[in-house]
Every structure is written in structure tokens, then in C-alpha cells.
Protein backbone atom coordinates (compact mmCIF):
# COMPACT_ATOMS: atom_id res chain seq x y z
CA UNK A 1 18.41 -45.30 -20.81
CA UNK A 2 21.14 -45.42 -23.46
CA UNK A 3 18.73 -44.18 -26.13
CA UNK A 4 17.63 -41.32 -23.92
CA UNK A 5 21.20 -40.19 -23.26
CA UNK A 6 22.17 -40.50 -26.93
CA UNK A 7 19.12 -38.49 -27.98
CA UNK A 8 19.79 -35.88 -25.31
CA UNK A 9 23.40 -35.49 -26.44
CA UNK A 10 22.33 -35.11 -30.07
CA UNK A 11 19.80 -32.41 -29.15
CA UNK A 12 22.37 -30.55 -27.05
CA UNK A 13 24.87 -30.66 -29.92
CA UNK A 14 22.30 -29.39 -32.44
CA UNK A 15 21.23 -26.56 -30.13
CA UNK A 16 24.89 -25.65 -29.48
CA UNK A 17 25.61 -25.60 -33.22
CA UNK A 18 22.61 -23.35 -33.87
CA UNK A 19 23.70 -21.05 -31.04
CA UNK A 20 27.22 -20.71 -32.42
CA UNK A 21 25.80 -19.95 -35.87
CA UNK A 22 23.50 -17.32 -34.43
CA UNK A 23 26.28 -15.70 -32.41
CA UNK A 24 28.66 -15.44 -35.39
CA UNK A 25 26.04 -14.18 -37.85
CA UNK A 26 24.72 -11.53 -35.41
CA UNK A 27 21.39 -11.45 -37.18
CA UNK A 28 18.06 -11.04 -35.49
CA UNK A 29 15.89 -14.14 -35.31
CA UNK A 30 12.89 -13.68 -37.62
CA UNK A 31 10.06 -15.72 -38.97
CA UNK A 32 10.03 -17.09 -42.47
CA UNK A 33 6.98 -15.22 -43.71
CA UNK A 34 7.14 -11.89 -41.86
CA UNK A 35 3.91 -12.33 -39.93
CA UNK A 36 0.72 -10.34 -40.37
CA UNK A 37 2.61 -7.14 -41.15
CA UNK A 38 3.74 -8.57 -44.47
CA UNK A 39 0.15 -8.73 -45.71
CA UNK A 40 -0.83 -5.27 -44.48
CA UNK A 41 -2.56 -6.13 -41.20
CA UNK A 42 -1.32 -3.92 -38.37
CA UNK A 43 -3.06 -5.76 -35.54
CA UNK A 44 -4.42 -9.22 -34.82
CA UNK A 45 -8.00 -8.16 -35.30
CA UNK A 46 -8.47 -6.08 -38.43
CA UNK A 47 -11.81 -4.71 -37.23
CA UNK A 48 -12.33 -0.96 -37.51
CA UNK A 49 -13.90 -0.84 -34.03
CA UNK A 50 -12.79 -3.07 -31.12
CA UNK A 51 -15.32 -5.36 -29.47
CA UNK A 52 -16.83 -4.57 -26.05
CA UNK A 53 -14.45 -6.93 -24.26
CA UNK A 54 -11.45 -5.18 -25.81
CA UNK A 55 -12.89 -1.74 -25.03
CA UNK A 56 -13.28 -2.73 -21.36
CA UNK A 57 -9.68 -3.98 -21.21
CA UNK A 58 -8.43 -0.79 -22.85
CA UNK A 59 -10.41 1.38 -20.42
CA UNK A 60 -9.04 -0.53 -17.42
CA UNK A 61 -5.50 -0.23 -18.72
CA UNK A 62 -5.94 3.49 -19.34
CA UNK A 63 -7.33 4.00 -15.82
CA UNK A 64 -4.43 2.02 -14.35
CA UNK A 65 -1.87 4.08 -16.28
CA UNK A 66 -3.55 7.33 -15.19
CA UNK A 67 -3.53 6.18 -11.57
CA UNK A 68 0.16 5.30 -11.79
CA UNK A 69 0.97 8.66 -13.37
CA UNK A 70 -1.01 10.47 -10.68
CA UNK A 71 0.83 8.60 -7.92
CA UNK A 72 4.23 9.40 -9.44
CA UNK A 73 3.55 13.13 -9.49
CA UNK A 74 2.54 13.31 -5.83
């Protein structure tokens, strides 16, 4: 139990130190490599045409948005 408490205290201190550093620097948290945008890929799948599964999801989302817009107007 002593090892657990010591480890827990160390983790809490490290997280607190990182938090204080983040608060004083006031910088946004960012990845080290910039993600896919840094290599010119705008989306996860760089296909010119989405697959059928994605098309179905997009159609459902569009229909849901249209329904919500229609209900807001009335």
C-alpha cells in the first residue's frame, strides 16, 4: 500500500506541475507533428469519392439537419 500511495503522490505532483506550466504559458496544447494537415491531407480518408457507408451516414445526417431546421421554422 505504501508503494501505491507514493506512486499516486508522484503522479499527482507531476500532473500539478504540468498544469501550472500550461496555465502560465497560456499556449494551446498541440501535437508534436501537426497531424495529417501537415502532410497535406485534409481528411482521414484521402479518397476522391466517399464509400457507400460514408455516403449513407452523410445522407442521414443531412436529413436529420433538414428535419431540425424545418421544426425550428414552424
